[in-house]
PDB file of N, CA and C in Angstrom:
ATOM      1  N   SER A   1      15.872 -29.659  -0.198  1.00  0.00           N
ATOM      2  CA  SER A   1      15.393 -30.889  -0.909  1.00  0.00           C
ATOM      3  C   SER A   1      16.497 -31.940  -0.626  1.00  0.00           C
ATOM      4  N   ILE A   2      16.046 -33.157  -0.714  1.00  0.00           N
ATOM      5  CA  ILE A   2      16.988 -34.285  -0.434  1.00  0.00           C
ATOM      6  C   ILE A   2      18.003 -34.419  -1.634  1.00  0.00           C
ATOM      7  N   PHE A   3      17.666 -33.754  -2.798  1.00  0.00           N
ATOM      8  CA  PHE A   3      18.576 -33.856  -3.847  1.00  0.00           C
ATOM      9  C   PHE A   3      19.765 -32.872  -3.586  1.00  0.00           C
ATOM     10  N   SER A   4      19.609 -31.904  -2.805  1.00  0.00           N
ATOM     11  CA  SER A   4      20.644 -30.903  -2.546  1.00  0.00           C
ATOM     12  C   SER A   4      21.772 -31.470  -1.747  1.00  0.00           C
ATOM     13  N   SER A   5      21.587 -32.577  -1.043  1.00  0.00           N
ATOM     14  CA  SER A   5      22.582 -33.155  -0.189  1.00  0.00           C
ATOM     15  C   SER A   5      23.346 -34.313  -0.841  1.00  0.00           C
ATOM     16  N   ILE A   6      23.063 -34.584  -2.146  1.00  0.00           N
ATOM     17  CA  ILE A   6      23.743 -35.659  -2.837  1.00  0.00           C
ATOM     18  C   ILE A   6      25.217 -35.420  -2.966  1.00  0.00           C
ATOM     19  N   GLY A   7      25.995 -36.408  -2.564  1.00  0.00           N
ATOM     20  CA  GLY A   7      27.439 -36.243  -2.525  1.00  0.00           C
ATOM     21  C   GLY A   7      28.009 -36.280  -4.033  1.00  0.00           C
ATOM     22  N   GLU A   8      29.149 -35.581  -4.209  1.00  0.00           N
ATOM     23  CA  GLU A   8      29.774 -35.550  -5.488  1.00  0.00           C
ATOM     24  C   GLU A   8      30.040 -36.895  -5.973  1.00  0.00           C
ATOM     25  N   ASN A   9      30.432 -37.826  -5.105  1.00  0.00           N
ATOM     26  CA  ASN A   9      30.750 -39.255  -5.467  1.00  0.00           C
ATOM     27  C   ASN A   9      29.590 -39.943  -6.125  1.00  0.00           C
ATOM     28  N   LYS A  10      28.370 -39.556  -5.991  1.00  0.00           N
ATOM     29  CA  LYS A  10      27.258 -40.225  -6.545  1.00  0.00           C
ATOM     30  C   LYS A  10      26.899 -39.671  -7.923  1.00  0.00           C
ATOM     31  N   LYS A  11      27.415 -38.505  -8.203  1.00  0.00           N
ATOM     32  CA  LYS A  11      27.100 -37.835  -9.527  1.00  0.00           C
ATOM     33  C   LYS A  11      27.887 -38.490 -10.645  1.00  0.00           C
ATOM     34  N   LEU A  12      27.199 -39.011 -11.565  1.00  0.00           N
ATOM     35  CA  LEU A  12      27.763 -39.709 -12.678  1.00  0.00           C
ATOM     36  C   LEU A  12      28.240 -38.774 -13.784  1.00  0.00           C
ATOM     37  N   TYR A  13      27.572 -37.586 -13.838  1.00  0.00           N
ATOM     38  CA  TYR A  13      27.795 -36.542 -14.765  1.00  0.00           C
ATOM     39  C   TYR A  13      27.291 -35.216 -14.297  1.00  0.00           C
ATOM     40  N   ILE A  14      28.046 -34.129 -14.616  1.00  0.00           N
ATOM     41  CA  ILE A  14      27.719 -32.806 -14.128  1.00  0.00           C
ATOM     42  C   ILE A  14      27.768 -31.845 -15.291  1.00  0.00           C
ATOM     43  N   SER A  15      26.705 -31.110 -15.520  1.00  0.00           N
ATOM     44  CA  SER A  15      26.662 -30.043 -16.555  1.00  0.00           C
ATOM     45  C   SER A  15      26.495 -28.762 -15.918  1.00  0.00           C
ATOM     46  N   LYS A  16      26.251 -27.748 -16.777  1.00  0.00           N
ATOM     47  CA  LYS A  16      25.987 -26.390 -16.287  1.00  0.00           C
ATOM     48  C   LYS A  16      24.905 -26.278 -15.302  1.00  0.00           C
ATOM     49  N   HIS A  17      23.736 -26.946 -15.688  1.00  0.00           N
ATOM     50  CA  HIS A  17      22.523 -26.737 -14.952  1.00  0.00           C
ATOM     51  C   HIS A  17      22.023 -28.026 -14.261  1.00  0.00           C
ATOM     52  N   PHE A  18      22.605 -29.207 -14.516  1.00  0.00           N
ATOM     53  CA  PHE A  18      22.052 -30.486 -14.001  1.00  0.00           C
ATOM     54  C   PHE A  18      23.145 -31.426 -13.622  1.00  0.00           C
ATOM     55  N   PHE A  19      22.776 -32.502 -12.988  1.00  0.00           N
ATOM     56  CA  PHE A  19      23.630 -33.596 -12.648  1.00  0.00           C
ATOM     57  C   PHE A  19      22.855 -34.929 -12.847  1.00  0.00           C
ATOM     58  N   ILE A  20      23.529 -35.984 -13.035  1.00  0.00           N
ATOM     59  CA  ILE A  20      22.881 -37.248 -13.326  1.00  0.00           C
ATOM     60  C   ILE A  20      23.342 -38.259 -12.173  1.00  0.00           C
ATOM     61  N   ILE A  21      22.353 -38.954 -11.643  1.00  0.00           N
ATOM     62  CA  ILE A  21      22.730 -39.979 -10.618  1.00  0.00           C
ATOM     63  C   ILE A  21      21.851 -41.257 -10.952  1.00  0.00           C
ATOM     64  N   LYS A  22      22.260 -42.397 -10.337  1.00  0.00           N
ATOM     65  CA  LYS A  22      21.484 -43.597 -10.389  1.00  0.00           C
ATOM     66  C   LYS A  22      20.256 -43.395  -9.428  1.00  0.00           C
ATOM     67  N   ASP A  23      19.081 -43.897  -9.934  1.00  0.00           N
ATOM     68  CA  ASP A  23      17.883 -43.767  -9.058  1.00  0.00           C
ATOM     69  C   ASP A  23      18.092 -44.782  -7.847  1.00  0.00           C
ATOM     70  N   GLU A  24      17.805 -44.222  -6.675  1.00  0.00           N
ATOM     71  CA  GLU A  24      17.950 -45.028  -5.470  1.00  0.00           C
ATOM     72  C   GLU A  24      16.941 -46.178  -5.341  1.00  0.00           C
ATOM     73  N   PHE A  25      15.820 -45.969  -6.136  1.00  0.00           N
ATOM     74  CA  PHE A  25      14.755 -47.001  -6.126  1.00  0.00           C
ATOM     75  C   PHE A  25      14.470 -47.308  -7.593  1.00  0.00           C
ATOM     76  N   PRO A  26      15.324 -47.928  -8.342  1.00  0.00           N
ATOM     77  CA  PRO A  26      15.212 -48.077  -9.754  1.00  0.00           C
ATOM     78  C   PRO A  26      13.959 -48.964 -10.161  1.00  0.00           C
ATOM     79  N   VAL A  27      13.278 -48.462 -11.222  1.00  0.00           N
ATOM     80  CA  VAL A  27      12.240 -49.234 -11.801  1.00  0.00           C
ATOM     81  C   VAL A  27      12.788 -50.407 -12.621  1.00  0.00           C
ATOM     82  N   SER A  28      13.989 -50.151 -13.260  1.00  0.00           N
ATOM     83  CA  SER A  28      14.666 -51.215 -14.042  1.00  0.00           C
ATOM     84  C   SER A  28      16.134 -50.917 -13.929  1.00  0.00           C
ATOM     85  N   ASP A  29      16.847 -51.981 -14.411  1.00  0.00           N
ATOM     86  CA  ASP A  29      18.379 -51.826 -14.452  1.00  0.00           C
ATOM     87  C   ASP A  29      18.837 -50.714 -15.206  1.00  0.00           C
ATOM     88  N   GLY A  30      19.544 -49.724 -14.580  1.00  0.00           N
ATOM     89  CA  GLY A  30      20.094 -48.574 -15.343  1.00  0.00           C
ATOM     90  C   GLY A  30      19.278 -47.369 -15.170  1.00  0.00           C
ATOM     91  N   HIS A  31      18.170 -47.320 -14.431  1.00  0.00           N
ATOM     92  CA  HIS A  31      17.332 -46.177 -14.237  1.00  0.00           C
ATOM     93  C   HIS A  31      18.173 -44.987 -13.635  1.00  0.00           C
ATOM     94  N   LEU A  32      18.180 -43.887 -14.400  1.00  0.00           N
ATOM     95  CA  LEU A  32      18.885 -42.672 -13.995  1.00  0.00           C
ATOM     96  C   LEU A  32      17.993 -41.476 -13.678  1.00  0.00           C
ATOM     97  N   LEU A  33      18.497 -40.585 -12.969  1.00  0.00           N
ATOM     98  CA  LEU A  33      17.713 -39.278 -12.702  1.00  0.00           C
ATOM     99  C   LEU A  33      18.596 -38.130 -13.232  1.00  0.00           C
ATOM    100  N   ILE A  34      18.017 -37.167 -13.843  1.00  0.00           N
ATOM    101  CA  ILE A  34      18.656 -35.977 -14.170  1.00  0.00           C
ATOM    102  C   ILE A  34      18.005 -34.931 -13.308  1.00  0.00           C
ATOM    103  N   ILE A  35      18.866 -34.205 -12.549  1.00  0.00           N
ATOM    104  CA  ILE A  35      18.344 -33.406 -11.456  1.00  0.00           C
ATOM    105  C   ILE A  35      18.929 -31.945 -11.655  1.00  0.00           C
ATOM    106  N   SER A  36      18.071 -30.981 -11.456  1.00  0.00           N
ATOM    107  CA  SER A  36      18.572 -29.575 -11.544  1.00  0.00           C
ATOM    108  C   SER A  36      19.460 -29.150 -10.394  1.00  0.00           C
ATOM    109  N   LYS A  37      20.538 -28.504 -10.767  1.00  0.00           N
ATOM    110  CA  LYS A  37      21.403 -27.997  -9.651  1.00  0.00           C
ATOM    111  C   LYS A  37      20.736 -26.974  -8.802  1.00  0.00           C
ATOM    112  N   GLU A  38      19.982 -26.023  -9.415  1.00  0.00           N
ATOM    113  CA  GLU A  38      19.307 -25.079  -8.664  1.00  0.00           C
ATOM    114  C   GLU A  38      17.920 -25.587  -8.303  1.00  0.00           C
ATOM    115  N   LEU A  39      17.394 -25.260  -7.126  1.00  0.00           N
ATOM    116  CA  LEU A  39      16.124 -25.817  -6.783  1.00  0.00           C
ATOM    117  C   LEU A  39      14.986 -25.217  -7.670  1.00  0.00           C
ATOM    118  N   ARG A  40      14.449 -26.130  -8.503  1.00  0.00           N
ATOM    119  CA  ARG A  40      13.336 -25.783  -9.354  1.00  0.00           C
ATOM    120  C   ARG A  40      12.255 -26.842  -8.999  1.00  0.00           C
ATOM    121  N   VAL A  41      11.003 -26.402  -8.811  1.00  0.00           N
ATOM    122  CA  VAL A  41      10.017 -27.398  -8.379  1.00  0.00           C
ATOM    123  C   VAL A  41       9.680 -28.450  -9.415  1.00  0.00           C
ATOM    124  N   ASP A  42       9.525 -28.057 -10.711  1.00  0.00           N
ATOM    125  CA  ASP A  42       9.238 -29.017 -11.708  1.00  0.00           C
ATOM    126  C   ASP A  42       9.671 -28.508 -13.092  1.00  0.00           C
ATOM    127  N   TYR A  43       9.313 -29.215 -14.132  1.00  0.00           N
ATOM    128  CA  TYR A  43       9.807 -28.835 -15.470  1.00  0.00           C
ATOM    129  C   TYR A  43       9.293 -27.341 -15.790  1.00  0.00           C
ATOM    130  N   PHE A  44       8.155 -27.069 -15.441  1.00  0.00           N
ATOM    131  CA  PHE A  44       7.604 -25.709 -15.657  1.00  0.00           C
ATOM    132  C   PHE A  44       8.274 -24.616 -14.964  1.00  0.00           C
ATOM    133  N   ASP A  45       9.062 -24.903 -13.956  1.00  0.00           N
ATOM    134  CA  ASP A  45       9.749 -23.955 -13.196  1.00  0.00           C
ATOM    135  C   ASP A  45      11.147 -23.763 -13.681  1.00  0.00           C
ATOM    136  N   LEU A  46      11.720 -24.588 -14.661  1.00  0.00           N
ATOM    137  CA  LEU A  46      12.955 -24.450 -15.248  1.00  0.00           C
ATOM    138  C   LEU A  46      12.954 -23.152 -16.131  1.00  0.00           C
ATOM    139  N   ASN A  47      14.177 -22.530 -16.154  1.00  0.00           N
ATOM    140  CA  ASN A  47      14.309 -21.295 -17.012  1.00  0.00           C
ATOM    141  C   ASN A  47      14.659 -21.754 -18.442  1.00  0.00           C
ATOM    142  N   ALA A  48      14.675 -20.805 -19.394  1.00  0.00           N
ATOM    143  CA  ALA A  48      14.857 -21.066 -20.696  1.00  0.00           C
ATOM    144  C   ALA A  48      16.259 -21.822 -21.001  1.00  0.00           C
ATOM    145  N   ASP A  49      17.296 -21.390 -20.343  1.00  0.00           N
ATOM    146  CA  ASP A  49      18.598 -22.016 -20.479  1.00  0.00           C
ATOM    147  C   ASP A  49      18.544 -23.495 -19.990  1.00  0.00           C
ATOM    148  N   GLU A  50      17.893 -23.727 -18.873  1.00  0.00           N
ATOM    149  CA  GLU A  50      17.745 -25.106 -18.367  1.00  0.00           C
ATOM    150  C   GLU A  50      16.946 -26.011 -19.295  1.00  0.00           C
ATOM    151  N   LYS A  51      15.842 -25.425 -19.730  1.00  0.00           N
ATOM    152  CA  LYS A  51      14.999 -26.248 -20.729  1.00  0.00           C
ATOM    153  C   LYS A  51      15.803 -26.524 -21.969  1.00  0.00           C
ATOM    154  N   ALA A  52      16.600 -25.566 -22.419  1.00  0.00           N
ATOM    155  CA  ALA A  52      17.421 -25.866 -23.644  1.00  0.00           C
ATOM    156  C   ALA A  52      18.470 -26.970 -23.467  1.00  0.00           C
ATOM    157  N   GLU A  53      18.997 -26.988 -22.225  1.00  0.00           N
ATOM    158  CA  GLU A  53      20.031 -27.992 -21.954  1.00  0.00           C
ATOM    159  C   GLU A  53      19.526 -29.383 -21.677  1.00  0.00           C
ATOM    160  N   LEU A  54      18.300 -29.480 -21.250  1.00  0.00           N
ATOM    161  CA  LEU A  54      17.759 -30.819 -20.789  1.00  0.00           C
ATOM    162  C   LEU A  54      17.877 -31.855 -21.874  1.00  0.00           C
ATOM    163  N   PRO A  55      17.466 -31.658 -23.039  1.00  0.00           N
ATOM    164  CA  PRO A  55      17.529 -32.700 -24.076  1.00  0.00           C
ATOM    165  C   PRO A  55      18.985 -33.331 -24.297  1.00  0.00           C
ATOM    166  N   LYS A  56      19.979 -32.418 -24.106  1.00  0.00           N
ATOM    167  CA  LYS A  56      21.371 -32.899 -24.169  1.00  0.00           C
ATOM    168  C   LYS A  56      21.663 -33.907 -23.030  1.00  0.00           C
ATOM    169  N   LEU A  57      21.116 -33.596 -21.808  1.00  0.00           N
ATOM    170  CA  LEU A  57      21.402 -34.458 -20.675  1.00  0.00           C
ATOM    171  C   LEU A  57      20.677 -35.724 -20.816  1.00  0.00           C
ATOM    172  N   ILE A  58      19.522 -35.766 -21.469  1.00  0.00           N
ATOM    173  CA  ILE A  58      18.841 -36.974 -21.722  1.00  0.00           C
ATOM    174  C   ILE A  58      19.624 -37.927 -22.551  1.00  0.00           C
ATOM    175  N   ASP A  59      20.289 -37.371 -23.592  1.00  0.00           N
ATOM    176  CA  ASP A  59      21.206 -38.080 -24.450  1.00  0.00           C
ATOM    177  C   ASP A  59      22.423 -38.608 -23.674  1.00  0.00           C
ATOM    178  N   VAL A  60      22.980 -37.818 -22.826  1.00  0.00           N
ATOM    179  CA  VAL A  60      24.144 -38.211 -22.014  1.00  0.00           C
ATOM    180  C   VAL A  60      23.762 -39.370 -21.083  1.00  0.00           C
ATOM    181  N   ALA A  61      22.554 -39.258 -20.514  1.00  0.00           N
ATOM    182  CA  ALA A  61      22.084 -40.326 -19.583  1.00  0.00           C
ATOM    183  C   ALA A  61      21.933 -41.625 -20.383  1.00  0.00           C
ATOM    184  N   LYS A  62      21.353 -41.539 -21.545  1.00  0.00           N
ATOM    185  CA  LYS A  62      21.291 -42.750 -22.399  1.00  0.00           C
ATOM    186  C   LYS A  62      22.587 -43.361 -22.764  1.00  0.00           C
ATOM    187  N   GLU A  63      23.515 -42.515 -23.000  1.00  0.00           N
ATOM    188  CA  GLU A  63      24.873 -43.090 -23.278  1.00  0.00           C
ATOM    189  C   GLU A  63      25.513 -43.786 -22.024  1.00  0.00           C
ATOM    190  N   LEU A  64      25.181 -43.162 -20.887  1.00  0.00           N
ATOM    191  CA  LEU A  64      25.758 -43.745 -19.614  1.00  0.00           C
ATOM    192  C   LEU A  64      25.052 -45.104 -19.311  1.00  0.00           C
ATOM    193  N   ILE A  65      23.797 -45.187 -19.682  1.00  0.00           N
ATOM    194  CA  ILE A  65      23.072 -46.417 -19.412  1.00  0.00           C
ATOM    195  C   ILE A  65      23.644 -47.582 -20.392  1.00  0.00           C
ATOM    196  N   GLU A  66      23.849 -47.128 -21.631  1.00  0.00           N
ATOM    197  CA  GLU A  66      24.281 -48.122 -22.639  1.00  0.00           C
ATOM    198  C   GLU A  66      25.792 -48.608 -22.447  1.00  0.00           C
ATOM    199  N   LYS A  67      26.483 -48.001 -21.600  1.00  0.00           N
ATOM    200  CA  LYS A  67      27.788 -48.495 -21.276  1.00  0.00           C
ATOM    201  C   LYS A  67      27.740 -49.798 -20.588  1.00  0.00           C
ATOM    202  N   GLU A  68      26.679 -49.952 -19.800  1.00  0.00           N
ATOM    203  CA  GLU A  68      26.484 -51.150 -18.910  1.00  0.00           C
ATOM    204  C   GLU A  68      25.346 -52.074 -19.351  1.00  0.00           C
ATOM    205  N   PHE A  69      24.270 -51.433 -19.829  1.00  0.00           N
ATOM    206  CA  PHE A  69      23.134 -52.230 -20.152  1.00  0.00           C
ATOM    207  C   PHE A  69      22.681 -52.143 -21.597  1.00  0.00           C
ATOM    208  N   HIS A  70      21.796 -52.951 -22.037  1.00  0.00           N
ATOM    209  CA  HIS A  70      21.339 -52.933 -23.458  1.00  0.00           C
ATOM    210  C   HIS A  70      19.847 -52.951 -23.539  1.00  0.00           C
ATOM    211  N   PRO A  71      19.249 -51.847 -23.121  1.00  0.00           N
ATOM    212  CA  PRO A  71      17.774 -51.841 -23.214  1.00  0.00           C
ATOM    213  C   PRO A  71      17.200 -51.815 -24.669  1.00  0.00           C
ATOM    214  N   GLU A  72      15.960 -52.299 -24.858  1.00  0.00           N
ATOM    215  CA  GLU A  72      15.275 -52.241 -26.103  1.00  0.00           C
ATOM    216  C   GLU A  72      14.460 -50.971 -26.276  1.00  0.00           C
ATOM    217  N   GLY A  73      14.290 -50.189 -25.214  1.00  0.00           N
ATOM    218  CA  GLY A  73      13.502 -48.974 -25.242  1.00  0.00           C
ATOM    219  C   GLY A  73      13.746 -48.104 -24.025  1.00  0.00           C
ATOM    220  N   TYR A  74      13.044 -47.042 -24.035  1.00  0.00           N
ATOM    221  CA  TYR A  74      13.135 -46.102 -22.851  1.00  0.00           C
ATOM    222  C   TYR A  74      11.821 -45.423 -22.568  1.00  0.00           C
ATOM    223  N   ASN A  75      11.550 -45.068 -21.344  1.00  0.00           N
ATOM    224  CA  ASN A  75      10.556 -44.094 -20.911  1.00  0.00           C
ATOM    225  C   ASN A  75      11.320 -42.925 -20.359  1.00  0.00           C
ATOM    226  N   ILE A  76      10.843 -41.695 -20.732  1.00  0.00           N
ATOM    227  CA  ILE A  76      11.332 -40.501 -20.224  1.00  0.00           C
ATOM    228  C   ILE A  76      10.228 -39.894 -19.380  1.00  0.00           C
ATOM    229  N   GLY A  77      10.425 -39.728 -18.073  1.00  0.00           N
ATOM    230  CA  GLY A  77       9.266 -39.293 -17.315  1.00  0.00           C
ATOM    231  C   GLY A  77       9.660 -38.130 -16.361  1.00  0.00           C
ATOM    232  N   ILE A  78       8.784 -37.125 -16.330  1.00  0.00           N
ATOM    233  CA  ILE A  78       8.867 -35.975 -15.465  1.00  0.00           C
ATOM    234  C   ILE A  78       7.473 -35.756 -14.774  1.00  0.00           C
ATOM    235  N   ASN A  79       7.415 -35.919 -13.524  1.00  0.00           N
ATOM    236  CA  ASN A  79       6.243 -35.757 -12.788  1.00  0.00           C
ATOM    237  C   ASN A  79       6.106 -34.334 -12.322  1.00  0.00           C
ATOM    238  N   CYS A  80       5.075 -33.645 -12.623  1.00  0.00           N
ATOM    239  CA  CYS A  80       4.911 -32.231 -12.328  1.00  0.00           C
ATOM    240  C   CYS A  80       3.700 -32.036 -11.383  1.00  0.00           C
ATOM    241  N   GLY A  81       3.927 -31.934 -10.139  1.00  0.00           N
ATOM    242  CA  GLY A  81       2.827 -31.742  -9.122  1.00  0.00           C
ATOM    243  C   GLY A  81       2.488 -32.993  -8.379  1.00  0.00           C
ATOM    244  N   LYS A  82       1.973 -32.707  -7.160  1.00  0.00           N
ATOM    245  CA  LYS A  82       1.576 -33.859  -6.367  1.00  0.00           C
ATOM    246  C   LYS A  82       0.588 -34.774  -6.966  1.00  0.00           C
ATOM    247  N   GLN A  83      -0.452 -34.269  -7.707  1.00  0.00           N
ATOM    248  CA  GLN A  83      -1.487 -35.097  -8.316  1.00  0.00           C
ATOM    249  C   GLN A  83      -0.934 -35.899  -9.475  1.00  0.00           C
ATOM    250  N   ALA A  84       0.263 -35.454  -9.942  1.00  0.00           N
ATOM    251  CA  ALA A  84       0.915 -36.240 -11.060  1.00  0.00           C
ATOM    252  C   ALA A  84       1.940 -37.259 -10.447  1.00  0.00           C
ATOM    253  N   GLY A  85       1.946 -37.371  -9.196  1.00  0.00           N
ATOM    254  CA  GLY A  85       2.850 -38.327  -8.477  1.00  0.00           C
ATOM    255  C   GLY A  85       4.191 -37.832  -8.091  1.00  0.00           C
ATOM    256  N   GLN A  86       4.407 -36.521  -8.161  1.00  0.00           N
ATOM    257  CA  GLN A  86       5.670 -35.976  -7.769  1.00  0.00           C
ATOM    258  C   GLN A  86       5.782 -36.003  -6.210  1.00  0.00           C
ATOM    259  N   THR A  87       6.830 -36.588  -5.725  1.00  0.00           N
ATOM    260  CA  THR A  87       6.907 -36.677  -4.256  1.00  0.00           C
ATOM    261  C   THR A  87       8.183 -35.887  -3.752  1.00  0.00           C
ATOM    262  N   VAL A  88       9.245 -35.555  -4.616  1.00  0.00           N
ATOM    263  CA  VAL A  88      10.245 -34.702  -4.283  1.00  0.00           C
ATOM    264  C   VAL A  88      10.088 -33.435  -5.110  1.00  0.00           C
ATOM    265  N   MET A  89       9.832 -32.363  -4.496  1.00  0.00           N
ATOM    266  CA  MET A  89       9.535 -31.129  -5.110  1.00  0.00           C
ATOM    267  C   MET A  89      10.833 -30.396  -5.521  1.00  0.00           C
ATOM    268  N   HIS A  90      11.649 -31.077  -6.326  1.00  0.00           N
ATOM    269  CA  HIS A  90      12.877 -30.564  -6.877  1.00  0.00           C
ATOM    270  C   HIS A  90      12.946 -31.228  -8.261  1.00  0.00           C
ATOM    271  N   PHE A  91      13.145 -30.408  -9.306  1.00  0.00           N
ATOM    272  CA  PHE A  91      13.075 -31.025 -10.626  1.00  0.00           C
ATOM    273  C   PHE A  91      13.965 -32.149 -10.799  1.00  0.00           C
ATOM    274  N   HIS A  92      13.357 -33.242 -11.355  1.00  0.00           N
ATOM    275  CA  HIS A  92      14.171 -34.460 -11.753  1.00  0.00           C
ATOM    276  C   HIS A  92      13.448 -35.100 -12.907  1.00  0.00           C
ATOM    277  N   CYS A  93      14.150 -35.653 -13.806  1.00  0.00           N
ATOM    278  CA  CYS A  93      13.703 -36.303 -14.975  1.00  0.00           C
ATOM    279  C   CYS A  93      14.182 -37.765 -14.940  1.00  0.00           C
ATOM    280  N   HIS A  94      13.278 -38.688 -15.053  1.00  0.00           N
ATOM    281  CA  HIS A  94      13.626 -40.094 -14.974  1.00  0.00           C
ATOM    282  C   HIS A  94      13.950 -40.521 -16.506  1.00  0.00           C
ATOM    283  N   LEU A  95      15.003 -41.319 -16.623  1.00  0.00           N
ATOM    284  CA  LEU A  95      15.295 -42.051 -17.884  1.00  0.00           C
ATOM    285  C   LEU A  95      15.308 -43.469 -17.449  1.00  0.00           C
ATOM    286  N   ILE A  96      14.222 -44.186 -17.899  1.00  0.00           N
ATOM    287  CA  ILE A  96      13.978 -45.547 -17.512  1.00  0.00           C
ATOM    288  C   ILE A  96      14.171 -46.504 -18.662  1.00  0.00           C
ATOM    289  N   PRO A  97      15.205 -47.316 -18.589  1.00  0.00           N
ATOM    290  CA  PRO A  97      15.442 -48.280 -19.621  1.00  0.00           C
ATOM    291  C   PRO A  97      14.371 -49.346 -19.549  1.00  0.00           C
ATOM    292  N   ARG A  98      13.950 -49.824 -20.816  1.00  0.00           N
ATOM    293  CA  ARG A  98      12.914 -50.870 -20.842  1.00  0.00           C
ATOM    294  C   ARG A  98      13.460 -52.000 -21.563  1.00  0.00           C
ATOM    295  N   TYR A  99      13.058 -53.209 -21.145  1.00  0.00           N
ATOM    296  CA  TYR A  99      13.596 -54.472 -21.617  1.00  0.00           C
ATOM    297  C   TYR A  99      12.458 -55.354 -22.063  1.00  0.00           C
ATOM    298  N   LYS A 100      12.703 -56.137 -23.115  1.00  0.00           N
ATOM    299  CA  LYS A 100      11.715 -57.088 -23.637  1.00  0.00           C
ATOM    300  C   LYS A 100      11.301 -57.951 -22.503  1.00  0.00           C
ATOM    301  N   GLY A 101      10.041 -58.073 -22.221  1.00  0.00           N
ATOM    302  CA  GLY A 101       9.490 -58.966 -21.182  1.00  0.00           C
ATOM    303  C   GLY A 101       9.348 -58.305 -19.769  1.00  0.00           C
ATOM    304  N   ASP A 102       9.846 -57.053 -19.629  1.00  0.00           N
ATOM    305  CA  ASP A 102       9.751 -56.499 -18.270  1.00  0.00           C
ATOM    306  C   ASP A 102       8.274 -56.261 -17.799  1.00  0.00           C
ATOM    307  N   VAL A 103       7.358 -56.158 -18.753  1.00  0.00           N
ATOM    308  CA  VAL A 103       5.865 -56.202 -18.441  1.00  0.00           C
ATOM    309  C   VAL A 103       5.267 -57.053 -19.521  1.00  0.00           C
ATOM    310  N   ASP A 104       4.114 -57.654 -19.224  1.00  0.00           N
ATOM    311  CA  ASP A 104       3.464 -58.524 -20.179  1.00  0.00           C
ATOM    312  C   ASP A 104       3.148 -57.803 -21.533  1.00  0.00           C
ATOM    313  N   ASP A 105       2.617 -56.573 -21.378  1.00  0.00           N
ATOM    314  CA  ASP A 105       2.226 -55.868 -22.601  1.00  0.00           C
ATOM    315  C   ASP A 105       2.527 -54.341 -22.478  1.00  0.00           C
ATOM    316  N   PRO A 106       3.566 -53.926 -23.065  1.00  0.00           N
ATOM    317  CA  PRO A 106       3.911 -52.475 -22.955  1.00  0.00           C
ATOM    318  C   PRO A 106       3.106 -51.508 -23.687  1.00  0.00           C
ATOM    319  N   THR A 107       2.094 -52.057 -24.387  1.00  0.00           N
ATOM    320  CA  THR A 107       1.291 -51.103 -25.238  1.00  0.00           C
ATOM    321  C   THR A 107       0.781 -49.959 -24.339  1.00  0.00           C
ATOM    322  N   GLY A 108       0.861 -48.758 -24.905  1.00  0.00           N
ATOM    323  CA  GLY A 108       0.375 -47.602 -24.213  1.00  0.00           C
ATOM    324  C   GLY A 108       1.409 -46.872 -23.362  1.00  0.00           C
ATOM    325  N   GLY A 109       2.553 -47.529 -23.009  1.00  0.00           N
ATOM    326  CA  GLY A 109       3.561 -46.932 -22.363  1.00  0.00           C
ATOM    327  C   GLY A 109       3.148 -46.047 -21.161  1.00  0.00           C
ATOM    328  N   VAL A 110       3.462 -44.793 -21.106  1.00  0.00           N
ATOM    329  CA  VAL A 110       3.166 -43.927 -20.032  1.00  0.00           C
ATOM    330  C   VAL A 110       1.680 -43.751 -19.777  1.00  0.00           C
ATOM    331  N   ARG A 111       0.880 -44.020 -20.814  1.00  0.00           N
ATOM    332  CA  ARG A 111      -0.539 -43.940 -20.603  1.00  0.00           C
ATOM    333  C   ARG A 111      -1.067 -44.883 -19.543  1.00  0.00           C
ATOM    334  N   ASN A 112      -0.249 -45.915 -19.197  1.00  0.00           N
ATOM    335  CA  ASN A 112      -0.603 -46.865 -18.162  1.00  0.00           C
ATOM    336  C   ASN A 112      -0.547 -46.387 -16.736  1.00  0.00           C
ATOM    337  N   ILE A 113      -0.166 -45.169 -16.574  1.00  0.00           N
ATOM    338  CA  ILE A 113      -0.102 -44.542 -15.230  1.00  0.00           C
ATOM    339  C   ILE A 113      -1.573 -44.463 -14.662  1.00  0.00           C
ATOM    340  N   ILE A 114      -2.489 -44.375 -15.608  1.00  0.00           N
ATOM    341  CA  ILE A 114      -3.944 -44.395 -15.201  1.00  0.00           C
ATOM    342  C   ILE A 114      -4.506 -45.692 -15.666  1.00  0.00           C
ATOM    343  N   PRO A 115      -4.827 -46.578 -14.770  1.00  0.00           N
ATOM    344  CA  PRO A 115      -5.340 -47.915 -15.064  1.00  0.00           C
ATOM    345  C   PRO A 115      -6.417 -47.822 -16.210  1.00  0.00           C
ATOM    346  N   GLY A 116      -6.291 -48.753 -17.199  1.00  0.00           N
ATOM    347  CA  GLY A 116      -7.308 -48.791 -18.188  1.00  0.00           C
ATOM    348  C   GLY A 116      -7.111 -47.880 -19.400  1.00  0.00           C
ATOM    349  N   LYS A 117      -6.126 -46.933 -19.287  1.00  0.00           N
ATOM    350  CA  LYS A 117      -5.962 -45.913 -20.331  1.00  0.00           C
ATOM    351  C   LYS A 117      -4.871 -46.269 -21.344  1.00  0.00           C
ATOM    352  N   GLY A 118      -4.190 -47.430 -21.045  1.00  0.00           N
ATOM    353  CA  GLY A 118      -3.088 -47.809 -21.947  1.00  0.00           C
ATOM    354  C   GLY A 118      -3.469 -48.318 -23.304  1.00  0.00           C
ATOM    355  N   LYS A 119      -4.696 -48.827 -23.406  1.00  0.00           N
ATOM    356  CA  LYS A 119      -5.113 -49.330 -24.680  1.00  0.00           C
ATOM    357  C   LYS A 119      -6.251 -48.502 -25.227  1.00  0.00           C
ATOM    358  N   TYR A 120      -6.150 -48.045 -26.408  1.00  0.00           N
ATOM    359  CA  TYR A 120      -7.181 -47.256 -27.025  1.00  0.00           C
ATOM    360  C   TYR A 120      -7.409 -47.527 -28.462  1.00  0.00           C
TER     361      TYR A 120
END
């Protein structure tokens, strides 16, 4: 996987099972990725220890973002499978900072990945 060749100098934080980097193609300022050290295809491929550690890494990533940026919200995203939009088949979790005005109407949040489903 392309994530296996990421240099140590790009890793903002390293834990037992994961590391955190800046997204190379950020959706917003501060967008970070939490990536499994071991090759795991997606969230459902993580073992119990990795799943238990992941929420702690999401909190660490939030702290890293807030050292430089001041978002008003966040989206936490994990794509599982090609039909869900996963393009790199190595587990990674997006922590995407959200800012007032970054979209006209944020109602529905992640439901907007399918057009027309954000408002209900």
